[in-house]
C-alpha atoms as a PDB file:
ATOM      1  CA  MET A   1     107.164  26.677 152.541  1.00  0.00           C
ATOM      2  CA  GLY A   2     107.102  26.675 148.751  1.00  0.00           C
ATOM      3  CA  ALA A   3     109.641  25.078 146.423  1.00  0.00           C
ATOM      4  CA  ALA A   4     111.381  28.400 145.787  1.00  0.00           C
ATOM      5  CA  GLU A   5     111.870  29.085 149.471  1.00  0.00           C
ATOM      6  CA  GLU A   6     113.099  25.536 150.121  1.00  0.00           C
ATOM      7  CA  ALA A   7     115.579  25.717 147.226  1.00  0.00           C
ATOM      8  CA  VAL A   8     117.171  28.769 148.838  1.00  0.00           C
ATOM      9  CA  ARG A   9     116.841  27.755 152.499  1.00  0.00           C
ATOM     10  CA  ARG A  10     119.034  24.662 152.260  1.00  0.00           C
ATOM     11  CA  PRO A  11     122.229  26.235 150.884  1.00  0.00           C
ATOM     12  CA  HIS A  12     121.567  29.809 152.101  1.00  0.00           C
ATOM     13  CA  PRO A  13     119.395  29.880 155.230  1.00  0.00           C
ATOM     14  CA  ALA A  14     120.007  33.606 155.763  1.00  0.00           C
ATOM     15  CA  LEU A  15     118.387  34.364 152.395  1.00  0.00           C
ATOM     16  CA  ALA A  16     115.359  32.124 152.861  1.00  0.00           C
ATOM     17  CA  ARG A  17     113.037  34.850 154.073  1.00  0.00           C
ATOM     18  CA  TRP A  18     113.524  36.775 150.800  1.00  0.00           C
ATOM     19  CA  ALA A  19     113.089  33.817 148.458  1.00  0.00           C
ATOM     20  CA  GLY A  20     110.214  34.427 146.105  1.00  0.00           C
ATOM     21  CA  SER A  21     109.844  38.057 147.157  1.00  0.00           C
ATOM     22  CA  SER A  22     110.477  39.661 143.764  1.00  0.00           C
ATOM     23  CA  HIS A  23     107.439  41.894 143.839  1.00  0.00           C
ATOM     24  CA  ALA A  24     108.232  44.887 141.608  1.00  0.00           C
ATOM     25  CA  GLY A  25     108.001  47.421 144.410  1.00  0.00           C
ATOM     26  CA  PRO A  26     107.755  50.986 143.110  1.00  0.00           C
ATOM     27  CA  ALA A  27     110.470  52.167 145.510  1.00  0.00           C
ATOM     28  CA  ALA A  28     112.930  49.485 144.397  1.00  0.00           C
ATOM     29  CA  ASP A  29     115.824  50.264 142.073  1.00  0.00           C
ATOM     30  CA  LEU A  30     115.816  46.966 140.164  1.00  0.00           C
ATOM     31  CA  PRO A  31     112.722  47.487 137.977  1.00  0.00           C
ATOM     32  CA  ALA A  32     113.813  50.927 136.753  1.00  0.00           C
ATOM     33  CA  VAL A  33     117.461  49.996 136.220  1.00  0.00           C
ATOM     34  CA  ALA A  34     116.667  46.695 134.504  1.00  0.00           C
ATOM     35  CA  GLN A  35     114.232  48.342 132.111  1.00  0.00           C
ATOM     36  CA  ALA A  36     116.423  51.366 131.389  1.00  0.00           C
ATOM     37  CA  LEU A  37     119.358  49.098 130.505  1.00  0.00           C
ATOM     38  CA  ASP A  38     117.331  46.445 128.614  1.00  0.00           C
ATOM     39  CA  GLY A  39     118.097  43.798 131.216  1.00  0.00           C
ATOM     40  CA  VAL A  40     117.134  40.164 131.064  1.00  0.00           C
ATOM     41  CA  LEU A  41     116.147  38.384 134.269  1.00  0.00           C
ATOM     42  CA  ILE A  42     116.764  34.696 134.798  1.00  0.00           C
ATOM     43  CA  ALA A  43     114.106  32.793 136.727  1.00  0.00           C
ATOM     44  CA  ARG A  44     114.369  29.235 137.997  1.00  0.00           C
ATOM     45  CA  GLY A  45     111.475  27.104 139.100  1.00  0.00           C
ATOM     46  CA  PRO A  46     110.101  23.575 139.078  1.00  0.00           C
ATOM     47  CA  ASP A  47     110.084  23.510 135.258  1.00  0.00           C
ATOM     48  CA  GLY A  48     113.690  24.697 134.922  1.00  0.00           C
ATOM     49  CA  GLU A  49     115.224  28.019 133.966  1.00  0.00           C
ATOM     50  CA  ARG A  50     113.861  30.739 131.697  1.00  0.00           C
ATOM     51  CA  GLU A  51     114.929  34.185 130.539  1.00  0.00           C
ATOM     52  CA  ILE A  52     112.458  37.050 130.813  1.00  0.00           C
ATOM     53  CA  THR A  53     113.024  40.526 129.405  1.00  0.00           C
ATOM     54  CA  SER A  54     112.681  43.293 131.945  1.00  0.00           C
ATOM     55  CA  ALA A  55     109.809  44.702 129.898  1.00  0.00           C
ATOM     56  CA  ASP A  56     107.942  41.398 130.357  1.00  0.00           C
ATOM     57  CA  VAL A  57     108.793  40.568 133.979  1.00  0.00           C
ATOM     58  CA  PHE A  58     107.517  43.774 135.623  1.00  0.00           C
ATOM     59  CA  VAL A  59     103.807  43.641 134.861  1.00  0.00           C
ATOM     60  CA  ASP A  60     102.452  46.306 137.232  1.00  0.00           C
ATOM     61  CA  CYS A  61     103.112  47.839 140.611  1.00  0.00           C
ATOM     62  CA  LEU A  62     103.920  44.945 142.976  1.00  0.00           C
ATOM     63  CA  THR A  63     103.229  42.407 140.201  1.00  0.00           C
ATOM     64  CA  THR A  64     105.673  40.297 138.195  1.00  0.00           C
ATOM     65  CA  SER A  65     105.237  37.588 135.603  1.00  0.00           C
ATOM     66  CA  LEU A  66     107.079  35.053 137.770  1.00  0.00           C
ATOM     67  CA  LEU A  67     105.238  31.759 137.913  1.00  0.00           C
ATOM     68  CA  PRO A  68     104.419  29.997 141.190  1.00  0.00           C
ATOM     69  CA  GLY A  69     107.577  28.438 142.591  1.00  0.00           C
ATOM     70  CA  GLU A  70     109.968  30.597 140.534  1.00  0.00           C
ATOM     71  CA  ILE A  71     112.702  32.803 141.951  1.00  0.00           C
ATOM     72  CA  LEU A  72     115.065  35.225 140.240  1.00  0.00           C
ATOM     73  CA  THR A  73     118.556  33.764 140.076  1.00  0.00           C
ATOM     74  CA  ALA A  74     120.386  36.244 137.848  1.00  0.00           C
ATOM     75  CA  ILE A  75     120.115  39.540 136.031  1.00  0.00           C
ATOM     76  CA  ARG A  76     121.929  40.176 132.772  1.00  0.00           C
ATOM     77  CA  ILE A  77     122.626  43.757 131.743  1.00  0.00           C
ATOM     78  CA  PRO A  78     124.156  44.274 128.291  1.00  0.00           C
ATOM     79  CA  LYS A  79     127.511  46.066 128.129  1.00  0.00           C
ATOM     80  CA  LEU A  80     127.219  49.702 127.148  1.00  0.00           C
ATOM     81  CA  ARG A  81     128.450  50.600 123.706  1.00  0.00           C
ATOM     82  CA  PRO A  82     131.275  53.114 123.415  1.00  0.00           C
ATOM     83  CA  GLY A  83     129.771  56.584 123.647  1.00  0.00           C
ATOM     84  CA  GLY A  84     126.425  55.117 124.618  1.00  0.00           C
END
């Protein structure tokens, strides 16, 4: 079990099997929504936390720029502007 899985398993055992499974699946909604709305994804790993733009995190089909041991912990979507 990697560090990402262990970090989730302790406080949230029901989520452990999905830890580290951010894989940019083409049928998933997250990649399209995050990119369309200029989202920023927050990843946490052994070296701490980092922000990654959606354009940079989804590299290819089933491929992300997450480093070994990192998991996504948050997604930030900017508020829409009036009329936008």
